[in-house]
Amino acid sequence: MWLLTHYFALEEDVKRKSLDLLTACLFVIATATLAYPQKKPEVVEVPFTFEHSSVIVSVEVNGKGPYNMLLDTGAELCAIDSNTAKELALRLTPIGGGKIVATGKKENTLFLTKFKQIEIGSVTAKHLLAVATDFSKISQRIGIPIHGVVGYNFLKNRIVQFDYPRRVVRFYSASPFAASNQPNTSNRIVLPFRFHGEDRFPIVDDVTVNGKKIKAELDTGHSGVLALTAAASKRLGLEAEAEGCEAETSEGALGTSVNRKCKLKQLTVGLIVIDSPIVSFRAPNSGLDQAPFEGLLGNDFFKDFVVTVDYRSMTVTFERA
């Protein structure tokens, strides 16, 4: 019995010493982790031009270029100018007979094509579908040749940061933000975004116009502060007000549309408040009639911030510079 008792006593002593040793090892590991923090995420930084409130990056397509392209979170597919597509000898397939009526006044011919490879700096994607169309009107509006658009099918699964004050875009290998539960402030807010069905437009719900909530798309392809759809203007009771506003024309892949622009009382995005913003009221038949959102948040809103669009976590972060 004594031998048995002594055996258990020895066993307990061994267990205790083993536990002490394990605790000491864990302490050393924890101390080492604090002393040598984890490696920072890799980042690729590329400058952009900000002409007429448009984000324009230098892009290579199929090993040729560089080409001026809009970096557009509001486009599902990449796009390329028809003449540039011919220079690249891309195969073009007409979409829907080759015609899409944008405004009732102008028709724009669209073709489907494919990029073997597209590069922004050292960030590369292969075998991407793209739309080919006429970009001459867009080039005239912006004031420099625009050869196409880089859209969601390039940006998906990436973490993209638009640093508007420094005029650079960054592509991160992992989130640049440490995990935290810090509350949102007017200087830094994090908002979730979502997609609607099969559409790949990033939509945020925490947006109000004159105190009324709307669903707004994050659209770095839109140069204004906010563009409201015709349906949104009607729901918000702003149709009569829009009629008395200044007329403006806008150019897009679907053609030319005549809209209205004027000041509203207030726009809020999360805790960010803008008084008397100049807003565009989109006309019916301008390409947004069936949109799953009610407004486009654009670059004239984003330009005061560093905007990080994280397609992995489905969040957007606004930081005041």
Protein backbone atom coordinates (compact mmCIF):
# COMPACT_ATOMS: atom_id res chain seq x y z
CA MET A 1 0.00 0.00 0.00
CA TRP A 2 2.80 2.37 0.87
CA LEU A 3 4.48 1.57 -2.42
CA LEU A 4 1.26 2.31 -4.26
CA THR A 5 0.76 5.56 -2.34
CA HIS A 6 4.37 6.56 -2.97
CA TYR A 7 3.97 5.79 -6.68
CA PHE A 8 0.95 8.10 -6.94
CA ALA A 9 2.82 10.79 -4.99
CA LEU A 10 5.72 10.54 -7.45
CA GLU A 11 3.28 10.62 -10.38
CA GLU A 12 1.61 13.77 -9.02
CA ASP A 13 5.02 15.38 -8.53
CA VAL A 14 5.97 14.62 -12.13
CA LYS A 15 2.64 16.02 -13.33
CA ARG A 16 3.12 19.20 -11.29
CA LYS A 17 6.66 19.71 -12.59
CA SER A 18 5.48 19.06 -16.15
CA LEU A 19 2.69 21.60 -15.67
CA ASP A 20 5.16 24.14 -14.30
CA LEU A 21 7.42 23.56 -17.30
CA LEU A 22 4.50 23.94 -19.73
CA THR A 23 3.44 27.19 -18.04
CA ALA A 24 6.98 28.52 -18.30
CA CYS A 25 7.12 27.63 -22.01
CA LEU A 26 3.81 29.34 -22.70
CA PHE A 27 5.04 32.44 -20.87
CA VAL A 28 8.21 32.51 -23.02
CA ILE A 29 6.15 32.12 -26.20
CA ALA A 30 3.74 34.88 -25.15
CA THR A 31 6.66 37.17 -24.26
CA ALA A 32 8.33 36.45 -27.58
CA THR A 33 5.08 37.22 -29.42
CA LEU A 34 4.85 40.57 -27.65
CA ALA A 35 8.50 41.32 -28.29
CA TYR A 36 8.30 40.32 -31.94
CA PRO A 37 4.89 41.32 -33.30
CA GLN A 38 3.43 39.61 -36.32
CA LYS A 39 4.63 40.70 -39.73
CA LYS A 40 2.77 43.65 -41.23
CA PRO A 41 0.58 42.90 -44.24
CA GLU A 42 2.25 43.28 -47.61
CA VAL A 43 1.09 46.26 -49.63
CA VAL A 44 1.37 47.38 -53.24
CA GLU A 45 1.05 51.15 -53.66
CA VAL A 46 0.15 52.70 -57.00
CA PRO A 47 -0.33 56.43 -57.75
CA PHE A 48 -3.54 57.65 -59.32
CA THR A 49 -4.54 60.77 -61.21
CA PHE A 50 -7.60 62.65 -59.94
CA GLU A 51 -8.89 64.46 -63.02
CA HIS A 52 -12.45 65.82 -62.80
CA SER A 53 -12.91 63.85 -59.57
CA SER A 54 -12.15 60.56 -61.32
CA VAL A 55 -9.70 57.93 -60.02
CA ILE A 56 -7.45 57.05 -62.96
CA VAL A 57 -4.72 54.41 -62.72
CA SER A 58 -2.10 53.22 -65.17
CA VAL A 59 -2.95 49.71 -66.40
CA GLU A 60 -1.34 47.14 -68.67
CA VAL A 61 -3.56 44.80 -70.68
CA ASN A 62 -2.16 41.62 -72.21
CA GLY A 63 1.36 42.96 -71.65
CA LYS A 64 0.72 46.21 -73.52
CA GLY A 65 0.15 49.76 -72.37
CA PRO A 66 0.14 51.62 -70.11
CA TYR A 67 -3.50 52.65 -70.48
CA ASN A 68 -5.50 55.18 -68.44
CA MET A 69 -8.37 53.40 -66.73
CA LEU A 70 -10.96 54.37 -64.13
CA LEU A 71 -10.73 52.31 -60.94
CA ASP A 72 -14.43 51.76 -60.37
CA THR A 73 -16.05 49.98 -57.41
CA GLY A 74 -19.41 50.55 -59.11
CA ALA A 75 -18.62 48.45 -62.19
CA GLU A 76 -19.17 44.70 -62.13
CA LEU A 77 -16.92 44.01 -65.11
CA CYS A 78 -13.83 45.62 -66.52
CA ALA A 79 -14.34 47.65 -69.69
CA ILE A 80 -12.21 48.88 -72.54
CA ASP A 81 -12.52 51.50 -75.26
CA SER A 82 -13.54 50.03 -78.62
CA ASN A 83 -10.57 51.48 -80.49
CA THR A 84 -8.15 50.27 -77.82
CA ALA A 85 -9.72 46.82 -78.03
CA LYS A 86 -9.02 46.80 -81.77
CA GLU A 87 -5.40 47.88 -81.17
CA LEU A 88 -5.05 44.91 -78.83
CA ALA A 89 -6.70 42.63 -81.40
CA LEU A 90 -9.28 41.51 -78.87
CA ARG A 91 -12.09 39.28 -80.02
CA LEU A 92 -15.39 41.22 -79.78
CA THR A 93 -18.81 39.60 -79.47
CA PRO A 94 -21.88 41.90 -79.76
CA ILE A 95 -24.08 41.99 -76.66
CA GLY A 96 -27.86 41.88 -77.25
CA GLY A 97 -27.52 42.56 -80.93
CA GLY A 98 -24.84 45.15 -80.25
CA LYS A 99 -27.11 48.00 -79.06
CA ILE A 100 -28.22 49.23 -75.65
CA VAL A 101 -30.39 52.34 -75.48
CA ALA A 102 -29.20 54.47 -72.57
CA THR A 103 -31.29 57.64 -72.70
CA GLY A 104 -33.73 57.42 -75.57
CA LYS A 105 -31.49 59.87 -77.44
CA LYS A 106 -28.27 57.94 -77.76
CA GLU A 107 -27.39 54.34 -78.45
CA ASN A 108 -24.07 52.85 -77.45
CA THR A 109 -22.70 49.69 -79.02
CA LEU A 110 -21.45 47.11 -76.52
CA PHE A 111 -19.30 44.06 -77.09
CA LEU A 112 -18.13 41.28 -74.80
CA THR A 113 -14.43 40.45 -74.77
CA LYS A 114 -11.77 38.98 -72.50
CA PHE A 115 -8.42 40.09 -71.10
CA LYS A 116 -5.74 37.41 -70.89
CA GLN A 117 -4.01 39.47 -68.23
CA ILE A 118 -4.44 42.87 -66.60
CA GLU A 119 -1.91 44.54 -64.29
CA ILE A 120 -1.99 47.51 -61.92
CA GLY A 121 1.53 47.85 -60.62
CA SER A 122 2.48 44.31 -59.57
CA VAL A 123 -1.15 43.33 -58.88
CA THR A 124 -2.28 40.95 -61.60
CA ALA A 125 -5.45 39.13 -62.66
CA LYS A 126 -5.88 36.70 -65.54
CA HIS A 127 -8.70 35.70 -67.89
CA LEU A 128 -11.18 38.47 -67.04
CA LEU A 129 -14.36 39.18 -68.96
CA ALA A 130 -14.70 42.77 -70.13
CA VAL A 131 -17.07 45.02 -72.05
CA ALA A 132 -15.85 47.02 -75.04
CA THR A 133 -17.59 50.32 -75.86
CA ASP A 134 -16.92 53.88 -76.98
CA PHE A 135 -15.09 55.94 -74.33
CA SER A 136 -14.59 59.09 -76.43
CA LYS A 137 -17.29 61.12 -74.61
CA ILE A 138 -15.92 60.10 -71.22
CA SER A 139 -12.42 61.13 -72.37
CA GLN A 140 -13.75 64.53 -73.50
CA ARG A 141 -15.49 65.11 -70.16
CA ILE A 142 -12.43 64.18 -68.07
CA GLY A 143 -9.97 65.95 -70.35
CA ILE A 144 -7.48 63.10 -70.92
CA PRO A 145 -7.75 59.85 -72.91
CA ILE A 146 -9.59 57.16 -70.95
CA HIS A 147 -9.04 53.65 -72.29
CA GLY A 148 -11.30 51.68 -69.98
CA VAL A 149 -12.50 50.71 -66.52
CA VAL A 150 -11.18 48.33 -63.89
CA GLY A 151 -14.17 46.83 -62.07
CA TYR A 152 -15.28 44.28 -59.51
CA ASN A 153 -14.02 41.19 -61.33
CA PHE A 154 -10.49 42.55 -60.78
CA LEU A 155 -11.14 43.93 -57.27
CA LYS A 156 -12.98 40.91 -55.81
CA ASN A 157 -11.40 39.23 -52.78
CA ARG A 158 -8.97 42.14 -52.45
CA ILE A 159 -8.45 44.83 -49.82
CA VAL A 160 -8.24 48.13 -51.69
CA GLN A 161 -7.42 51.45 -50.06
CA PHE A 162 -8.06 54.75 -51.85
CA ASP A 163 -5.87 57.40 -50.21
CA TYR A 164 -7.41 60.47 -51.80
CA PRO A 165 -5.26 63.13 -50.04
CA ARG A 166 -2.01 61.39 -51.13
CA ARG A 167 -3.42 60.29 -54.52
CA VAL A 168 -2.41 56.65 -54.16
CA VAL A 169 -4.30 53.37 -54.12
CA ARG A 170 -3.00 50.48 -52.02
CA PHE A 171 -3.65 46.76 -52.38
CA TYR A 172 -3.16 44.91 -49.07
CA SER A 173 -2.48 41.21 -48.56
CA ALA A 174 -4.35 41.41 -45.21
CA SER A 175 -6.35 44.03 -43.37
CA PRO A 176 -4.21 47.05 -42.36
CA PHE A 177 -6.36 47.51 -39.27
CA ALA A 178 -5.78 45.66 -36.02
CA ALA A 179 -8.86 43.88 -34.75
CA SER A 180 -10.66 46.15 -32.32
CA ASN A 181 -14.08 47.05 -31.03
CA GLN A 182 -13.45 50.78 -31.06
CA PRO A 183 -16.65 52.76 -31.57
CA ASN A 184 -17.17 54.75 -34.75
CA THR A 185 -16.44 58.46 -34.63
CA SER A 186 -16.86 61.29 -37.12
CA ASN A 187 -13.14 60.90 -37.97
CA ARG A 188 -13.10 57.13 -38.47
CA ILE A 189 -16.04 54.89 -39.20
CA VAL A 190 -16.35 51.28 -40.30
CA LEU A 191 -19.54 50.28 -42.10
CA PRO A 192 -20.64 46.93 -43.47
CA PHE A 193 -21.62 46.68 -47.10
CA ARG A 194 -23.53 44.00 -48.95
CA PHE A 195 -24.36 42.79 -52.42
CA HIS A 196 -27.84 42.44 -53.85
CA GLY A 197 -28.46 38.96 -55.24
CA GLU A 198 -26.06 38.23 -58.07
CA ASP A 199 -25.17 41.91 -58.49
CA ARG A 200 -21.76 42.93 -57.25
CA PHE A 201 -22.35 46.55 -56.31
CA PRO A 202 -21.18 47.36 -52.73
CA ILE A 203 -24.28 48.78 -51.00
CA VAL A 204 -24.29 50.52 -47.60
CA ASP A 205 -27.52 51.02 -45.66
CA ASP A 206 -26.41 53.60 -43.07
CA VAL A 207 -26.99 56.62 -45.33
CA THR A 208 -29.65 59.31 -44.97
CA VAL A 209 -30.83 62.17 -47.19
CA ASN A 210 -32.65 64.95 -45.33
CA GLY A 211 -33.11 62.52 -42.44
CA LYS A 212 -34.55 59.68 -44.55
CA LYS A 213 -32.63 56.44 -45.06
CA ILE A 214 -31.54 55.30 -48.48
CA LYS A 215 -29.49 52.41 -49.87
CA ALA A 216 -26.34 53.81 -51.46
CA GLU A 217 -23.70 52.21 -53.65
CA LEU A 218 -20.00 52.90 -53.04
CA ASP A 219 -19.06 54.11 -56.51
CA THR A 220 -15.54 55.36 -57.21
CA GLY A 221 -16.65 55.65 -60.83
CA HIS A 222 -19.03 58.50 -59.92
CA SER A 223 -17.40 61.93 -59.72
CA GLY A 224 -20.03 63.71 -57.60
CA VAL A 225 -20.99 63.61 -53.92
CA LEU A 226 -24.25 61.70 -54.38
CA ALA A 227 -26.46 60.83 -57.33
CA LEU A 228 -30.07 59.90 -56.56
CA THR A 229 -32.05 57.60 -58.83
CA ALA A 230 -35.37 58.78 -60.25
CA ALA A 231 -37.16 56.28 -57.99
CA ALA A 232 -35.35 57.65 -54.91
CA SER A 233 -36.26 61.24 -55.80
CA LYS A 234 -39.90 60.20 -55.99
CA ARG A 235 -39.84 58.24 -52.72
CA LEU A 236 -38.10 61.08 -50.89
CA GLY A 237 -40.57 63.65 -52.21
CA LEU A 238 -37.88 65.59 -54.08
CA GLU A 239 -39.26 65.46 -57.63
CA ALA A 240 -40.62 69.01 -57.61
CA GLU A 241 -37.41 70.34 -56.06
CA ALA A 242 -35.32 68.53 -58.68
CA GLU A 243 -37.31 70.09 -61.54
CA GLY A 244 -36.11 73.53 -60.54
CA CYS A 245 -32.44 72.51 -60.34
CA GLU A 246 -29.64 73.20 -62.79
CA ALA A 247 -29.41 70.81 -65.74
CA GLU A 248 -26.24 68.78 -66.25
CA THR A 249 -25.11 66.03 -68.60
CA SER A 250 -23.24 62.91 -67.59
CA GLU A 251 -21.31 60.39 -69.68
CA GLY A 252 -21.18 56.70 -68.95
CA ALA A 253 -20.66 53.38 -70.69
CA LEU A 254 -24.34 53.44 -71.67
CA GLY A 255 -24.19 56.90 -73.20
CA THR A 256 -25.22 60.46 -72.34
CA SER A 257 -27.98 61.41 -69.90
CA VAL A 258 -29.37 64.81 -68.87
CA ASN A 259 -29.79 65.13 -65.10
CA ARG A 260 -30.37 67.85 -62.51
CA LYS A 261 -28.15 69.03 -59.68
CA CYS A 262 -28.77 71.22 -56.64
CA LYS A 263 -28.20 71.46 -52.89
CA LEU A 264 -29.98 69.34 -50.32
CA LYS A 265 -30.33 70.03 -46.62
CA GLN A 266 -28.18 67.23 -45.31
CA LEU A 267 -26.42 63.97 -46.15
CA THR A 268 -25.17 61.55 -43.50
CA VAL A 269 -23.04 58.43 -43.90
CA GLY A 270 -22.73 56.68 -40.56
CA LEU A 271 -21.61 59.47 -38.21
CA ILE A 272 -20.31 61.66 -41.04
CA VAL A 273 -22.59 64.66 -41.59
CA ILE A 274 -22.47 66.96 -44.62
CA ASP A 275 -24.69 70.03 -44.68
CA SER A 276 -25.92 71.48 -47.98
CA PRO A 277 -24.32 68.91 -50.29
CA ILE A 278 -24.67 69.34 -54.04
CA VAL A 279 -26.52 66.27 -55.26
CA SER A 280 -27.30 64.96 -58.74
CA PHE A 281 -30.84 63.82 -59.57
CA ARG A 282 -30.68 61.13 -62.25
CA ALA A 283 -33.27 61.28 -65.00
CA PRO A 284 -35.49 58.32 -65.85
CA ASN A 285 -34.02 55.98 -68.48
CA SER A 286 -30.47 56.96 -67.52
CA GLY A 287 -29.40 53.39 -66.75
CA LEU A 288 -30.36 53.26 -63.05
CA ASP A 289 -34.11 52.59 -63.25
CA GLN A 290 -33.77 48.95 -62.19
CA ALA A 291 -30.85 49.49 -59.80
CA PRO A 292 -30.92 47.67 -56.42
CA PHE A 293 -29.84 50.91 -54.71
CA GLU A 294 -31.19 54.46 -54.50
CA GLY A 295 -28.05 56.53 -54.74
CA LEU A 296 -24.40 56.56 -55.78
CA LEU A 297 -21.85 57.82 -53.26
CA GLY A 298 -18.97 59.22 -55.28
CA ASN A 299 -15.50 60.71 -55.25
CA ASP A 300 -16.50 64.23 -54.21
CA PHE A 301 -17.68 62.63 -50.96
CA PHE A 302 -14.71 60.24 -50.66
CA LYS A 303 -12.01 62.83 -51.46
CA ASP A 304 -11.63 64.03 -47.85
CA PHE A 305 -10.94 60.51 -46.59
CA VAL A 306 -8.73 57.48 -46.83
CA VAL A 307 -11.29 54.89 -47.97
CA THR A 308 -10.56 51.18 -47.49
CA VAL A 309 -12.88 48.77 -49.31
CA ASP A 310 -12.35 45.29 -47.84
CA TYR A 311 -14.04 42.77 -50.13
CA ARG A 312 -13.06 39.94 -47.78
CA SER A 313 -14.76 41.23 -44.65
CA MET A 314 -17.38 43.21 -46.63
CA THR A 315 -16.60 46.46 -44.82
CA VAL A 316 -15.64 49.98 -45.82
CA THR A 317 -13.56 52.24 -43.56
CA PHE A 318 -13.54 56.03 -43.82
CA GLU A 319 -10.64 57.83 -42.11
CA ARG A 320 -10.21 61.57 -42.17
CA ALA A 321 -6.75 62.53 -43.39
